[in-house]
Amino acid sequence: MVSIDDMFEISPFSLNKAEKDNLLKNKLLLLTEHHRSNCEAYAKILSAYGFNPDNVKSHYDIPFIPVRLFKNYELLSIGRDEIFKTMTSSGTSGQRVSKIFVDKTTANNQQKTLIRIMSDFIGKKRLPMLLIDSPNVVKDRNLFSARGAAILGLRMLGRETLYALDDNMQLKLDEVQAFLEKNRDSKIIIFGFTFMVWQHLYQELLKQGLKLDLSNAFLITGGGWKKLVSLNISNADFRAALNSQCGIEHFIDHYGMVEQTGCIYAQCEYGHLHASIFSDVIPRRADDFSVCENGEEGIIQVVSVLPHSYPGHSILTEDKGIILGEDDCPCGRLGKYFKLTGRLKKAELRGCSDTYADKF
């Protein structure tokens, strides 16, 4: 049996369909039995499914639970004395938030996985990092928002970090310019949620009539597209604007959620989101939850081998998407590659950047 530690020694996009399917089946079956034995509520869910592990032929047969369940119930498979940190999903005023209880083992594995995945896109060398956010977002080390959790995880990729915004979410232009001057001969990482990059970096520079040379940067973004789409700003518009104002050429968007922290789906140079060996994406039809064919839009189910402290290893999201192919992306990475197509109707606004953007 391949352990999680063994998986960290494997390139995250190097297993073909047969190899990955076998790995996920075995790992997810073990997790399912672990959570059945340690989470009473989850055991009841499996009983309602009539789940029998002997009938599992692939990881597609592992029962999923709806992501909204985490908003209504505290689901955990560890003793409360083992909780290392609690992460919360983003929510606008009046919305319930998901609470995800993480032990040290799960937290460490989430961090290692995030670094392994992103290193495949930006290299293994730690680089100076500019965070388009305020340090306030990570002040409470025991209770993390999805935004704070993402920043803390990705911050491990940096060897020197600067928060570009002050406590009032204003751009610290002098400090940013000094940071860029200091690192002008190095590649750097810029990370921020999409709307925040647009609002607090691009719009602020535009307002001041300034241009920054960020041609040496990898811009890592995620979430916040709902607000930009409402402003009639497409992905292509976003990239063109940042390229014009800052010279940015390397864009890496990603898809992820607090319920499966660590297992992000990063976008390659061909604009495709990729599933690593640690996770998978399964679009399902709304009428009977059967598996969609490649090219057919469905509700996205995500699986992850990481959740040990809570039963979040197989989740039905409220997002829609399409599998574009598997093992044959022009970028050379193996595994499924896909695109998101939207949210289910009446689904709550939940992206961390979208939630922040909703204030504007």
Protein backbone atom coordinates (compact mmCIF):
# COMPACT_ATOMS: atom_id res chain seq x y z
CA MET A 1 0.00 0.00 0.00
CA VAL A 2 1.38 3.40 -1.00
CA SER A 3 1.50 5.75 2.00
CA ILE A 4 0.95 9.50 1.93
CA ASP A 5 4.67 9.96 2.54
CA ASP A 6 5.38 7.71 -0.46
CA MET A 7 3.09 9.91 -2.56
CA PHE A 8 5.17 12.97 -1.71
CA GLU A 9 8.08 11.27 -3.48
CA ILE A 10 6.05 10.90 -6.70
CA SER A 11 5.74 13.74 -9.18
CA PRO A 12 2.18 15.05 -8.67
CA PHE A 13 1.17 14.72 -12.33
CA SER A 14 3.09 11.58 -13.32
CA LEU A 15 0.59 8.72 -12.91
CA ASN A 16 -1.59 7.58 -15.80
CA LYS A 17 -5.30 6.82 -15.43
CA ALA A 18 -4.92 3.14 -14.45
CA GLU A 19 -2.18 3.85 -11.90
CA LYS A 20 -3.98 6.81 -10.36
CA ASP A 21 -7.39 5.11 -10.24
CA ASN A 22 -5.91 2.15 -8.38
CA LEU A 23 -4.14 4.44 -5.92
CA LEU A 24 -7.26 6.54 -5.23
CA LYS A 25 -9.51 3.51 -4.82
CA ASN A 26 -7.27 2.02 -2.13
CA LYS A 27 -6.60 5.28 -0.27
CA LEU A 28 -10.22 6.44 -0.30
CA LEU A 29 -11.56 3.07 0.84
CA LEU A 30 -9.24 3.22 3.86
CA LEU A 31 -10.37 6.78 4.63
CA THR A 32 -14.03 5.81 4.30
CA GLU A 33 -13.62 3.01 6.85
CA HIS A 34 -11.61 5.28 9.14
CA HIS A 35 -14.33 7.94 9.15
CA ARG A 36 -17.11 5.36 9.52
CA SER A 37 -15.40 4.07 12.67
CA ASN A 38 -14.67 7.50 14.13
CA CYS A 39 -17.51 9.81 13.08
CA GLU A 40 -20.99 8.71 14.14
CA ALA A 41 -22.79 11.12 11.82
CA TYR A 42 -20.78 9.89 8.84
CA ALA A 43 -21.48 6.28 9.77
CA LYS A 44 -25.20 7.08 9.64
CA ILE A 45 -24.77 8.63 6.19
CA LEU A 46 -23.04 5.50 4.92
CA SER A 47 -25.79 3.36 6.42
CA ALA A 48 -28.40 5.46 4.60
CA TYR A 49 -26.44 4.91 1.38
CA GLY A 50 -26.42 1.17 2.05
CA PHE A 51 -22.67 1.34 1.54
CA ASN A 52 -20.78 -1.95 1.22
CA PRO A 53 -17.01 -1.64 0.62
CA ASP A 54 -17.04 -5.00 -1.18
CA ASN A 55 -19.05 -3.34 -3.97
CA VAL A 56 -16.46 -0.62 -4.61
CA LYS A 57 -14.87 -1.19 -8.00
CA SER A 58 -13.26 2.27 -8.28
CA HIS A 59 -13.06 5.54 -6.36
CA TYR A 60 -16.14 6.64 -8.32
CA ASP A 61 -18.13 4.30 -6.04
CA ILE A 62 -17.08 6.00 -2.79
CA PRO A 63 -20.18 7.81 -1.43
CA PHE A 64 -20.05 11.60 -1.49
CA ILE A 65 -21.59 14.05 0.94
CA PRO A 66 -22.90 17.50 -0.09
CA VAL A 67 -20.53 20.33 0.75
CA ARG A 68 -23.32 22.25 2.47
CA LEU A 69 -23.46 19.55 5.16
CA PHE A 70 -20.38 21.15 6.72
CA LYS A 71 -22.38 24.34 7.25
CA ASN A 72 -25.01 22.56 9.32
CA TYR A 73 -23.04 19.95 11.25
CA GLU A 74 -19.70 19.71 13.01
CA LEU A 75 -18.20 16.62 11.40
CA LEU A 76 -14.96 15.31 12.82
CA SER A 77 -13.24 11.95 13.19
CA ILE A 78 -10.87 12.88 16.01
CA GLY A 79 -11.24 13.84 19.65
CA ARG A 80 -11.70 17.56 20.24
CA ASP A 81 -8.43 17.56 22.15
CA GLU A 82 -6.67 16.62 18.90
CA ILE A 83 -7.92 19.67 16.97
CA PHE A 84 -4.89 21.64 15.82
CA LYS A 85 -6.83 24.37 14.04
CA THR A 86 -10.32 25.10 12.77
CA MET A 87 -10.81 26.48 9.28
CA THR A 88 -13.95 28.27 8.14
CA SER A 89 -15.36 28.82 4.69
CA SER A 90 -16.15 32.32 3.54
CA GLY A 91 -19.69 33.60 3.87
CA THR A 92 -21.47 36.88 3.51
CA SER A 93 -23.41 38.34 6.43
CA GLY A 94 -26.14 35.99 7.57
CA GLN A 95 -24.72 32.93 5.85
CA ARG A 96 -23.59 29.91 7.79
CA VAL A 97 -19.97 28.96 7.33
CA SER A 98 -18.40 25.53 7.12
CA LYS A 99 -16.19 24.50 10.02
CA ILE A 100 -13.36 22.15 9.16
CA PHE A 101 -11.48 20.59 12.07
CA VAL A 102 -7.87 19.76 11.32
CA ASP A 103 -5.35 17.76 13.34
CA LYS A 104 -1.59 18.13 12.99
CA THR A 105 -1.26 15.16 10.63
CA THR A 106 -3.86 16.52 8.21
CA ALA A 107 -2.46 20.07 8.44
CA ASN A 108 1.07 18.88 7.65
CA ASN A 109 -0.12 16.77 4.72
CA GLN A 110 -2.18 19.66 3.35
CA GLN A 111 0.84 21.94 3.42
CA LYS A 112 3.18 19.39 1.83
CA THR A 113 0.66 18.66 -0.92
CA LEU A 114 0.13 22.32 -1.72
CA ILE A 115 3.88 22.86 -2.02
CA ARG A 116 4.33 19.72 -4.18
CA ILE A 117 1.59 20.81 -6.59
CA MET A 118 2.67 24.43 -6.93
CA SER A 119 6.34 23.51 -7.26
CA ASP A 120 5.44 21.68 -10.46
CA PHE A 121 4.31 25.01 -11.92
CA ILE A 122 6.86 27.48 -10.53
CA GLY A 123 9.87 25.29 -9.66
CA LYS A 124 11.19 24.02 -6.34
CA LYS A 125 13.23 27.08 -5.44
CA ARG A 126 11.61 29.32 -2.82
CA LEU A 127 11.09 32.81 -4.21
CA PRO A 128 10.35 36.27 -2.80
CA MET A 129 6.58 36.61 -2.40
CA LEU A 130 4.28 39.61 -2.60
CA LEU A 131 0.87 39.00 -0.99
CA ILE A 132 -1.99 41.19 -2.19
CA ASP A 133 -3.68 41.21 1.19
CA SER A 134 -3.39 42.55 4.71
CA PRO A 135 -1.60 40.68 7.55
CA ASN A 136 -4.86 40.92 9.51
CA VAL A 137 -6.20 37.95 7.56
CA VAL A 138 -3.87 35.54 9.40
CA LYS A 139 -3.90 37.10 12.87
CA ASP A 140 -5.99 34.39 14.59
CA ARG A 141 -3.81 31.27 14.43
CA ASN A 142 -6.54 29.00 15.86
CA LEU A 143 -9.41 29.98 13.57
CA PHE A 144 -8.56 30.42 9.90
CA SER A 145 -10.79 31.73 7.16
CA ALA A 146 -10.46 30.12 3.75
CA ARG A 147 -8.58 33.24 2.63
CA GLY A 148 -6.18 33.07 5.55
CA ALA A 149 -5.63 29.33 5.15
CA ALA A 150 -4.75 29.78 1.48
CA ILE A 151 -2.29 32.55 2.26
CA LEU A 152 -0.58 30.62 5.04
CA GLY A 153 -0.28 27.54 2.84
CA LEU A 154 1.08 29.35 -0.20
CA ARG A 155 3.32 31.54 1.94
CA MET A 156 5.50 28.47 2.44
CA LEU A 157 6.58 28.83 -1.20
CA GLY A 158 8.22 32.17 -0.38
CA ARG A 159 11.56 32.88 1.25
CA GLU A 160 10.73 36.54 1.88
CA THR A 161 7.18 37.81 2.06
CA LEU A 162 5.58 41.24 2.01
CA TYR A 163 1.90 42.03 2.55
CA ALA A 164 1.15 44.67 -0.05
CA LEU A 165 -1.88 46.10 1.80
CA ASP A 166 -2.12 47.79 5.18
CA ASP A 167 -4.78 47.16 7.82
CA ASN A 168 -7.16 49.46 5.93
CA MET A 169 -6.62 47.51 2.68
CA GLN A 170 -4.65 50.35 1.10
CA LEU A 171 -1.71 49.62 -1.19
CA LYS A 172 1.64 50.22 0.55
CA LEU A 173 3.18 51.52 -2.64
CA ASP A 174 6.55 52.64 -1.22
CA GLU A 175 7.13 49.27 0.44
CA VAL A 176 6.05 47.39 -2.68
CA GLN A 177 8.40 49.42 -4.87
CA ALA A 178 11.29 48.82 -2.43
CA PHE A 179 10.52 45.08 -2.43
CA LEU A 180 10.55 44.99 -6.22
CA GLU A 181 13.77 46.97 -6.46
CA LYS A 182 15.45 44.62 -3.99
CA ASN A 183 14.35 41.59 -6.00
CA ARG A 184 14.60 42.97 -9.52
CA ASP A 185 17.09 40.27 -10.54
CA SER A 186 15.00 37.39 -9.16
CA LYS A 187 11.80 35.64 -10.11
CA ILE A 188 9.07 36.48 -7.60
CA ILE A 189 5.62 35.15 -6.66
CA ILE A 190 2.58 37.36 -6.35
CA PHE A 191 -0.44 35.78 -4.69
CA GLY A 192 -3.88 37.27 -4.23
CA PHE A 193 -7.53 36.47 -4.71
CA THR A 194 -8.62 37.61 -8.13
CA PHE A 195 -10.89 40.51 -7.21
CA MET A 196 -8.39 41.79 -4.65
CA VAL A 197 -5.61 41.84 -7.25
CA TRP A 198 -7.96 43.73 -9.56
CA GLN A 199 -9.28 46.15 -6.93
CA HIS A 200 -6.22 46.84 -4.79
CA LEU A 201 -3.33 46.44 -7.23
CA TYR A 202 -4.48 47.05 -10.80
CA GLN A 203 -7.18 49.70 -10.09
CA GLU A 204 -4.98 51.53 -7.60
CA LEU A 205 -2.06 51.71 -10.05
CA LEU A 206 -4.45 52.84 -12.77
CA LYS A 207 -5.86 55.55 -10.51
CA GLN A 208 -2.39 56.85 -9.70
CA GLY A 209 -1.22 56.59 -13.31
CA LEU A 210 1.61 54.26 -12.31
CA LYS A 211 3.07 51.15 -13.88
CA LEU A 212 5.09 48.50 -12.04
CA ASP A 213 7.52 46.13 -13.73
CA LEU A 214 6.30 42.69 -12.65
CA SER A 215 7.52 40.87 -15.73
CA ASN A 216 9.59 38.60 -13.48
CA ALA A 217 6.54 37.46 -11.49
CA PHE A 218 4.35 34.38 -11.31
CA LEU A 219 0.86 35.71 -10.50
CA ILE A 220 -1.06 33.05 -8.56
CA THR A 221 -4.77 33.79 -8.21
CA GLY A 222 -7.94 31.99 -7.19
CA GLY A 223 -11.60 32.80 -6.59
CA GLY A 224 -13.30 36.13 -7.15
CA TRP A 225 -14.38 35.60 -10.74
CA LYS A 226 -18.06 36.07 -9.93
CA LYS A 227 -17.54 39.75 -9.14
CA LEU A 228 -15.35 40.32 -12.20
CA VAL A 229 -17.83 38.58 -14.49
CA SER A 230 -20.56 40.86 -13.08
CA LEU A 231 -18.36 43.76 -14.19
CA ASN A 232 -18.02 42.16 -17.66
CA ILE A 233 -14.35 41.41 -17.06
CA SER A 234 -13.29 38.07 -18.51
CA ASN A 235 -10.24 35.99 -17.69
CA ALA A 236 -8.66 37.28 -20.89
CA ASP A 237 -9.50 40.88 -19.93
CA PHE A 238 -7.96 40.38 -16.50
CA ARG A 239 -4.74 39.01 -17.95
CA ALA A 240 -4.50 41.69 -20.61
CA ALA A 241 -5.00 44.45 -18.05
CA LEU A 242 -2.34 43.11 -15.67
CA ASN A 243 0.02 42.54 -18.56
CA SER A 244 -0.46 46.10 -19.80
CA GLN A 245 -0.13 47.74 -16.38
CA CYS A 246 2.54 45.49 -14.85
CA GLY A 247 4.03 43.39 -17.63
CA ILE A 248 2.89 40.14 -16.01
CA GLU A 249 3.18 37.17 -18.37
CA HIS A 250 2.96 34.14 -16.08
CA PHE A 251 -0.57 33.60 -14.71
CA ILE A 252 -1.53 30.60 -12.55
CA ASP A 253 -5.17 30.56 -11.51
CA HIS A 254 -6.41 27.72 -9.31
CA TYR A 255 -9.56 26.08 -7.98
CA GLY A 256 -9.85 24.87 -4.41
CA MET A 257 -11.97 24.93 -1.28
CA VAL A 258 -11.48 25.01 2.47
CA GLU A 259 -13.23 21.62 2.75
CA GLN A 260 -10.29 20.06 0.87
CA THR A 261 -7.42 22.39 1.66
CA GLY A 262 -4.12 21.45 0.06
CA CYS A 263 -5.59 19.67 -2.96
CA ILE A 264 -5.75 22.62 -5.29
CA TYR A 265 -6.31 22.37 -9.03
CA ALA A 266 -3.82 24.69 -10.72
CA GLN A 267 -4.10 26.07 -14.23
CA CYS A 268 -1.43 25.20 -16.77
CA GLU A 269 -0.12 27.39 -19.57
CA TYR A 270 -2.93 26.13 -21.83
CA GLY A 271 -5.60 27.39 -19.44
CA HIS A 272 -6.57 23.94 -18.14
CA LEU A 273 -7.15 23.12 -14.46
CA HIS A 274 -5.34 19.92 -13.46
CA ALA A 275 -6.09 17.19 -10.91
CA SER A 276 -2.99 15.84 -9.17
CA ILE A 277 -2.37 12.32 -7.82
CA PHE A 278 -3.78 13.48 -4.47
CA SER A 279 -7.26 14.24 -5.79
CA ASP A 280 -9.78 13.86 -8.57
CA VAL A 281 -12.73 15.66 -10.15
CA ILE A 282 -15.88 13.78 -11.16
CA PRO A 283 -18.71 15.74 -12.85
CA ARG A 284 -22.14 14.16 -12.20
CA ARG A 285 -25.53 14.59 -13.83
CA ALA A 286 -28.07 16.51 -11.74
CA ASP A 287 -30.98 14.15 -12.37
CA ASP A 288 -29.43 10.91 -11.09
CA PHE A 289 -25.83 11.75 -10.11
CA SER A 290 -24.46 9.38 -12.73
CA VAL A 291 -20.99 10.17 -14.04
CA CYS A 292 -20.78 12.57 -16.99
CA GLU A 293 -18.88 11.79 -20.15
CA ASN A 294 -15.85 13.91 -21.02
CA GLY A 295 -17.09 17.17 -22.51
CA GLU A 296 -20.44 16.97 -20.68
CA GLU A 297 -21.24 19.56 -18.03
CA GLY A 298 -22.06 18.27 -14.57
CA ILE A 299 -22.00 19.01 -10.84
CA ILE A 300 -18.45 18.60 -9.62
CA GLN A 301 -17.58 15.94 -7.08
CA VAL A 302 -14.09 16.23 -5.62
CA VAL A 303 -12.14 13.51 -3.81
CA SER A 304 -8.96 13.90 -1.80
CA VAL A 305 -6.66 11.49 0.02
CA LEU A 306 -5.75 14.11 2.66
CA PRO A 307 -8.72 14.54 5.08
CA HIS A 308 -7.95 12.34 8.09
CA SER A 309 -9.50 14.41 10.87
CA TYR A 310 -12.90 14.96 9.22
CA PRO A 311 -14.94 13.08 6.56
CA GLY A 312 -14.18 15.44 3.69
CA HIS A 313 -12.53 12.97 1.33
CA SER A 314 -15.49 12.76 -1.08
CA ILE A 315 -17.63 15.88 -1.51
CA LEU A 316 -20.28 17.02 -3.95
CA THR A 317 -19.69 20.73 -4.54
CA GLU A 318 -22.08 23.39 -5.79
CA ASP A 319 -19.88 24.11 -8.81
CA LYS A 320 -20.34 22.96 -12.40
CA GLY A 321 -17.62 21.90 -14.77
CA ILE A 322 -16.50 19.82 -17.75
CA ILE A 323 -13.70 17.27 -18.07
CA LEU A 324 -11.72 18.27 -21.15
CA GLY A 325 -9.49 15.21 -21.26
CA GLU A 326 -7.20 12.88 -19.34
CA ASP A 327 -3.50 12.10 -19.69
CA ASP A 328 -3.22 14.09 -22.93
CA CYS A 329 -2.99 17.79 -22.05
CA PRO A 330 -0.47 19.58 -24.33
CA CYS A 331 1.39 20.75 -21.19
CA GLY A 332 2.50 17.15 -20.59
CA ARG A 333 0.94 16.70 -17.15
CA LEU A 334 -0.93 13.42 -16.67
CA GLY A 335 -4.33 13.17 -15.03
CA LYS A 336 -7.66 14.85 -15.72
CA TYR A 337 -7.82 18.43 -16.89
CA PHE A 338 -11.03 20.43 -16.80
CA LYS A 339 -12.73 23.80 -16.76
CA LEU A 340 -15.32 25.36 -14.47
CA THR A 341 -18.55 26.53 -16.05
CA GLY A 342 -20.43 28.14 -13.15
CA ARG A 343 -22.37 27.64 -9.95
CA LEU A 344 -25.61 25.83 -9.30
CA LYS A 345 -28.62 28.13 -9.24
CA LYS A 346 -29.40 29.47 -5.77
CA ALA A 347 -26.00 28.33 -4.50
CA GLU A 348 -24.63 30.67 -1.88
CA LEU A 349 -21.87 33.09 -2.75
CA ARG A 350 -18.86 31.31 -1.29
CA GLY A 351 -15.54 32.16 -2.93
CA CYS A 352 -13.28 33.97 -0.44
CA SER A 353 -12.58 36.79 -2.87
CA ASP A 354 -16.22 36.89 -4.02
CA THR A 355 -17.32 37.26 -0.41
CA TYR A 356 -14.90 40.13 0.12
CA ALA A 357 -15.92 41.65 -3.23
CA ASP A 358 -19.58 41.53 -2.21
CA LYS A 359 -18.84 44.46 0.12
CA PHE A 360 -18.11 46.70 -2.85
